[in-house]
Structures are given as structure tokens and as C-alpha cells.
PDB file of N, CA and C in Angstrom:
ATOM      1  N   MET A   1     145.760-226.441  -2.648  1.00  0.00           N
ATOM      2  CA  MET A   1     144.434-227.026  -2.723  1.00  0.00           C
ATOM      3  C   MET A   1     143.598-226.588  -1.520  1.00  0.00           C
ATOM      4  N   LEU A   2     144.161-226.708  -0.327  1.00  0.00           N
ATOM      5  CA  LEU A   2     143.429-226.325   0.881  1.00  0.00           C
ATOM      6  C   LEU A   2     143.161-224.822   0.916  1.00  0.00           C
ATOM      7  N   SER A   3     144.106-224.034   0.417  1.00  0.00           N
ATOM      8  CA  SER A   3     143.913-222.585   0.437  1.00  0.00           C
ATOM      9  C   SER A   3     142.778-222.158  -0.494  1.00  0.00           C
ATOM     10  N   LYS A   4     142.581-222.862  -1.602  1.00  0.00           N
ATOM     11  CA  LYS A   4     141.486-222.527  -2.519  1.00  0.00           C
ATOM     12  C   LYS A   4     140.136-222.780  -1.853  1.00  0.00           C
ATOM     13  N   ILE A   5     140.057-223.871  -1.097  1.00  0.00           N
ATOM     14  CA  ILE A   5     138.810-224.181  -0.408  1.00  0.00           C
ATOM     15  C   ILE A   5     138.512-223.126   0.654  1.00  0.00           C
ATOM     16  N   TRP A   6     139.531-222.744   1.437  1.00  0.00           N
ATOM     17  CA  TRP A   6     139.340-221.734   2.475  1.00  0.00           C
ATOM     18  C   TRP A   6     138.985-220.391   1.868  1.00  0.00           C
ATOM     19  N   LYS A   7     139.567-220.080   0.722  1.00  0.00           N
ATOM     20  CA  LYS A   7     139.265-218.822   0.042  1.00  0.00           C
ATOM     21  C   LYS A   7     137.795-218.798  -0.372  1.00  0.00           C
ATOM     22  N   LYS A   8     137.293-219.889  -0.923  1.00  0.00           N
ATOM     23  CA  LYS A   8     135.891-219.958  -1.326  1.00  0.00           C
ATOM     24  C   LYS A   8     134.967-219.881  -0.117  1.00  0.00           C
ATOM     25  N   VAL A   9     135.346-220.548   0.977  1.00  0.00           N
ATOM     26  CA  VAL A   9     134.533-220.507   2.191  1.00  0.00           C
ATOM     27  C   VAL A   9     134.481-219.088   2.752  1.00  0.00           C
ATOM     28  N   CYS A  10     135.607-218.413   2.778  1.00  0.00           N
ATOM     29  CA  CYS A  10     135.656-217.041   3.300  1.00  0.00           C
ATOM     30  C   CYS A  10     134.838-216.086   2.433  1.00  0.00           C
ATOM     31  N   ILE A  11     134.929-216.243   1.135  1.00  0.00           N
ATOM     32  CA  ILE A  11     134.144-215.391   0.239  1.00  0.00           C
ATOM     33  C   ILE A  11     132.652-215.647   0.441  1.00  0.00           C
ATOM     34  N   PHE A  12     132.267-216.896   0.595  1.00  0.00           N
ATOM     35  CA  PHE A  12     130.865-217.224   0.849  1.00  0.00           C
ATOM     36  C   PHE A  12     130.380-216.595   2.152  1.00  0.00           C
ATOM     37  N   ILE A  13     131.185-216.693   3.204  1.00  0.00           N
ATOM     38  CA  ILE A  13     130.820-216.099   4.492  1.00  0.00           C
ATOM     39  C   ILE A  13     130.704-214.580   4.361  1.00  0.00           C
ATOM     40  N   LEU A  14     131.599-213.958   3.621  1.00  0.00           N
ATOM     41  CA  LEU A  14     131.550-212.514   3.417  1.00  0.00           C
ATOM     42  C   LEU A  14     130.283-212.104   2.675  1.00  0.00           C
ATOM     43  N   ILE A  15     129.915-212.828   1.648  1.00  0.00           N
ATOM     44  CA  ILE A  15     128.706-212.512   0.888  1.00  0.00           C
ATOM     45  C   ILE A  15     127.458-212.668   1.760  1.00  0.00           C
ATOM     46  N   VAL A  16     127.406-213.736   2.535  1.00  0.00           N
ATOM     47  CA  VAL A  16     126.258-213.949   3.420  1.00  0.00           C
ATOM     48  C   VAL A  16     126.175-212.837   4.463  1.00  0.00           C
ATOM     49  N   ALA A  17     127.294-212.434   5.021  1.00  0.00           N
ATOM     50  CA  ALA A  17     127.307-211.360   6.028  1.00  0.00           C
ATOM     51  C   ALA A  17     126.832-210.036   5.427  1.00  0.00           C
ATOM     52  N   CYS A  18     127.267-209.739   4.213  1.00  0.00           N
ATOM     53  CA  CYS A  18     126.841-208.498   3.551  1.00  0.00           C
ATOM     54  C   CYS A  18     125.338-208.510   3.273  1.00  0.00           C
ATOM     55  N   LEU A  19     124.830-209.616   2.773  1.00  0.00           N
ATOM     56  CA  LEU A  19     123.396-209.715   2.516  1.00  0.00           C
ATOM     57  C   LEU A  19     122.592-209.613   3.807  1.00  0.00           C
ATOM     58  N   PHE A  20     123.070-210.249   4.857  1.00  0.00           N
ATOM     59  CA  PHE A  20     122.401-210.185   6.158  1.00  0.00           C
ATOM     60  C   PHE A  20     122.356-208.743   6.666  1.00  0.00           C
ATOM     61  N   ASN A  21     123.450-208.017   6.517  1.00  0.00           N
ATOM     62  CA  ASN A  21     123.528-206.626   6.944  1.00  0.00           C
ATOM     63  C   ASN A  21     122.542-205.760   6.161  1.00  0.00           C
ATOM     64  N   ILE A  22     122.474-205.956   4.862  1.00  0.00           N
ATOM     65  CA  ILE A  22     121.564-205.179   4.027  1.00  0.00           C
ATOM     66  C   ILE A  22     120.114-205.452   4.414  1.00  0.00           C
ATOM     67  N   VAL A  23     119.772-206.707   4.608  1.00  0.00           N
ATOM     68  CA  VAL A  23     118.398-207.058   4.972  1.00  0.00           C
ATOM     69  C   VAL A  23     118.027-206.454   6.322  1.00  0.00           C
ATOM     70  N   LEU A  24     118.920-206.501   7.290  1.00  0.00           N
ATOM     71  CA  LEU A  24     118.626-205.914   8.602  1.00  0.00           C
ATOM     72  C   LEU A  24     118.417-204.404   8.509  1.00  0.00           C
ATOM     73  N   LYS A  25     119.196-203.734   7.676  1.00  0.00           N
ATOM     74  CA  LYS A  25     119.021-202.290   7.517  1.00  0.00           C
ATOM     75  C   LYS A  25     117.691-201.960   6.858  1.00  0.00           C
ATOM     76  N   LEU A  26     117.277-202.756   5.898  1.00  0.00           N
ATOM     77  CA  LEU A  26     115.998-202.507   5.232  1.00  0.00           C
ATOM     78  C   LEU A  26     114.821-202.769   6.164  1.00  0.00           C
ATOM     79  N   ILE A  27     114.919-203.793   6.984  1.00  0.00           N
ATOM     80  CA  ILE A  27     113.830-204.132   7.899  1.00  0.00           C
ATOM     81  C   ILE A  27     113.735-203.112   9.033  1.00  0.00           C
ATOM     82  N   GLY A  28     114.867-202.677   9.551  1.00  0.00           N
ATOM     83  CA  GLY A  28     114.872-201.799  10.709  1.00  0.00           C
ATOM     84  C   GLY A  28     114.689-200.329  10.399  1.00  0.00           C
ATOM     85  N   ARG A  29     114.548-199.985   9.140  1.00  0.00           N
ATOM     86  CA  ARG A  29     114.436-198.576   8.777  1.00  0.00           C
ATOM     87  C   ARG A  29     113.086-198.013   9.211  1.00  0.00           C
ATOM     88  N   ILE A  30     113.099-196.799   9.762  1.00  0.00           N
ATOM     89  CA  ILE A  30     111.876-196.106  10.153  1.00  0.00           C
ATOM     90  C   ILE A  30     111.281-195.485   8.895  1.00  0.00           C
ATOM     91  N   SER A  31     109.992-195.595   8.743  1.00  0.00           N
ATOM     92  CA  SER A  31     109.365-195.035   7.550  1.00  0.00           C
ATOM     93  C   SER A  31     109.450-193.513   7.579  1.00  0.00           C
ATOM     94  N   PHE A  32     109.402-192.925   6.400  1.00  0.00           N
ATOM     95  CA  PHE A  32     109.492-191.471   6.284  1.00  0.00           C
ATOM     96  C   PHE A  32     108.317-190.803   6.987  1.00  0.00           C
ATOM     97  N   ASN A  33     107.144-191.416   6.893  1.00  0.00           N
ATOM     98  CA  ASN A  33     105.958-190.846   7.521  1.00  0.00           C
ATOM     99  C   ASN A  33     106.130-190.754   9.027  1.00  0.00           C
ATOM    100  N   LYS A  34     106.600-191.817   9.666  1.00  0.00           N
ATOM    101  CA  LYS A  34     106.822-191.795  11.116  1.00  0.00           C
ATOM    102  C   LYS A  34     107.858-190.744  11.486  1.00  0.00           C
ATOM    103  N   GLU A  35     108.920-190.662  10.694  1.00  0.00           N
ATOM    104  CA  GLU A  35     109.976-189.690  10.970  1.00  0.00           C
ATOM    105  C   GLU A  35     109.430-188.266  10.884  1.00  0.00           C
ATOM    106  N   ALA A  36     108.602-187.987   9.879  1.00  0.00           N
ATOM    107  CA  ALA A  36     108.040-186.642   9.711  1.00  0.00           C
ATOM    108  C   ALA A  36     107.099-186.299  10.864  1.00  0.00           C
ATOM    109  N   VAL A  37     106.279-187.251  11.298  1.00  0.00           N
ATOM    110  CA  VAL A  37     105.350-187.002  12.395  1.00  0.00           C
ATOM    111  C   VAL A  37     106.108-186.739  13.692  1.00  0.00           C
ATOM    112  N   GLU A  38     107.114-187.538  13.965  1.00  0.00           N
ATOM    113  CA  GLU A  38     107.904-187.345  15.186  1.00  0.00           C
ATOM    114  C   GLU A  38     108.621-185.997  15.167  1.00  0.00           C
ATOM    115  N   SER A  39     109.125-185.616  14.015  1.00  0.00           N
ATOM    116  CA  SER A  39     109.806-184.332  13.894  1.00  0.00           C
ATOM    117  C   SER A  39     108.833-183.176  14.119  1.00  0.00           C
ATOM    118  N   ALA A  40     107.633-183.287  13.570  1.00  0.00           N
ATOM    119  CA  ALA A  40     106.626-182.239  13.755  1.00  0.00           C
ATOM    120  C   ALA A  40     106.230-182.123  15.226  1.00  0.00           C
ATOM    121  N   LYS A  41     106.047-183.255  15.904  1.00  0.00           N
ATOM    122  CA  LYS A  41     105.710-183.225  17.331  1.00  0.00           C
ATOM    123  C   LYS A  41     106.810-182.543  18.139  1.00  0.00           C
ATOM    124  N   TYR A  42     108.044-182.858  17.826  1.00  0.00           N
ATOM    125  CA  TYR A  42     109.170-182.259  18.540  1.00  0.00           C
ATOM    126  C   TYR A  42     109.201-180.751  18.323  1.00  0.00           C
ATOM    127  N   MET A  43     108.982-180.319  17.080  1.00  0.00           N
ATOM    128  CA  MET A  43     109.015-178.887  16.787  1.00  0.00           C
ATOM    129  C   MET A  43     107.885-178.158  17.494  1.00  0.00           C
ATOM    130  N   ILE A  44     106.701-178.772  17.567  1.00  0.00           N
ATOM    131  CA  ILE A  44     105.573-178.149  18.267  1.00  0.00           C
ATOM    132  C   ILE A  44     105.886-178.030  19.756  1.00  0.00           C
ATOM    133  N   GLU A  45     106.454-179.056  20.348  1.00  0.00           N
ATOM    134  CA  GLU A  45     106.817-178.998  21.762  1.00  0.00           C
ATOM    135  C   GLU A  45     107.852-177.913  22.018  1.00  0.00           C
ATOM    136  N   GLN A  46     108.832-177.791  21.147  1.00  0.00           N
ATOM    137  CA  GLN A  46     109.853-176.751  21.308  1.00  0.00           C
ATOM    138  C   GLN A  46     109.228-175.361  21.170  1.00  0.00           C
ATOM    139  N   TYR A  47     108.297-175.208  20.231  1.00  0.00           N
ATOM    140  CA  TYR A  47     107.621-173.926  20.036  1.00  0.00           C
ATOM    141  C   TYR A  47     106.829-173.544  21.281  1.00  0.00           C
ATOM    142  N   LYS A  48     106.098-174.520  21.850  1.00  0.00           N
ATOM    143  CA  LYS A  48     105.332-174.248  23.068  1.00  0.00           C
ATOM    144  C   LYS A  48     106.258-173.898  24.220  1.00  0.00           C
ATOM    145  N   TYR A  49     107.375-174.591  24.331  1.00  0.00           N
ATOM    146  CA  TYR A  49     108.335-174.319  25.401  1.00  0.00           C
ATOM    147  C   TYR A  49     108.907-172.912  25.271  1.00  0.00           C
ATOM    148  N   GLU A  50     109.250-172.517  24.053  1.00  0.00           N
ATOM    149  CA  GLU A  50     109.800-171.180  23.835  1.00  0.00           C
ATOM    150  C   GLU A  50     108.762-170.103  24.150  1.00  0.00           C
ATOM    151  N   ASN A  51     107.511-170.328  23.772  1.00  0.00           N
ATOM    152  CA  ASN A  51     106.465-169.353  24.075  1.00  0.00           C
ATOM    153  C   ASN A  51     106.221-169.239  25.567  1.00  0.00           C
ATOM    154  N   ASP A  52     106.203-170.385  26.264  1.00  0.00           N
ATOM    155  CA  ASP A  52     106.015-170.352  27.717  1.00  0.00           C
ATOM    156  C   ASP A  52     107.172-169.643  28.394  1.00  0.00           C
ATOM    157  N   LYS A  53     108.361-169.844  27.898  1.00  0.00           N
ATOM    158  CA  LYS A  53     109.549-169.215  28.477  1.00  0.00           C
ATOM    159  C   LYS A  53     109.497-167.696  28.279  1.00  0.00           C
ATOM    160  N   ASN A  54     109.015-167.261  27.124  1.00  0.00           N
ATOM    161  CA  ASN A  54     108.929-165.815  26.848  1.00  0.00           C
ATOM    162  C   ASN A  54     107.814-165.159  27.644  1.00  0.00           C
ATOM    163  N   ILE A  55     106.719-165.865  27.905  1.00  0.00           N
ATOM    164  CA  ILE A  55     105.603-165.317  28.666  1.00  0.00           C
ATOM    165  C   ILE A  55     106.002-165.137  30.123  1.00  0.00           C
ATOM    166  N   ILE A  56     106.776-166.069  30.673  1.00  0.00           N
ATOM    167  CA  ILE A  56     107.170-166.005  32.076  1.00  0.00           C
ATOM    168  C   ILE A  56     108.082-164.805  32.325  1.00  0.00           C
ATOM    169  N   LYS A  57     108.906-164.448  31.379  1.00  0.00           N
ATOM    170  CA  LYS A  57     109.839-163.316  31.566  1.00  0.00           C
ATOM    171  C   LYS A  57     109.061-162.071  31.644  1.00  0.00           C
TER     172      LYS A  57
END
């Protein structure tokens, strides 16, 4: 009898933890637009760095 209650409690805790994890991942996700802009900025900086490095030589 006691083991059935603990089993139900553990399953409930597991379900709540999984839902909490999913919600946190959805909220904390960076939008695709921000990711694309940051990537473009990084590539432009690398391009400028490579050009400056080649000019100095």
C-alpha cells in the first residue's frame, strides 16, 4: 500500500520536473533572428581582421 503511494508521488514529481525543464528550454531559447545577426557580425569582424592581417604583411 505504501509503495503504491510512493510510486505515484515519484511519477508525479518526474512529470513536473520534465515539464519544468521543457518550459525553461522554450523560454531561454535565443531567437533565430538574433542568432543570425550575431553570426553575421562575427563573420564581418573576422573578415576585417583577416584583411588587416594581410595588409600588414
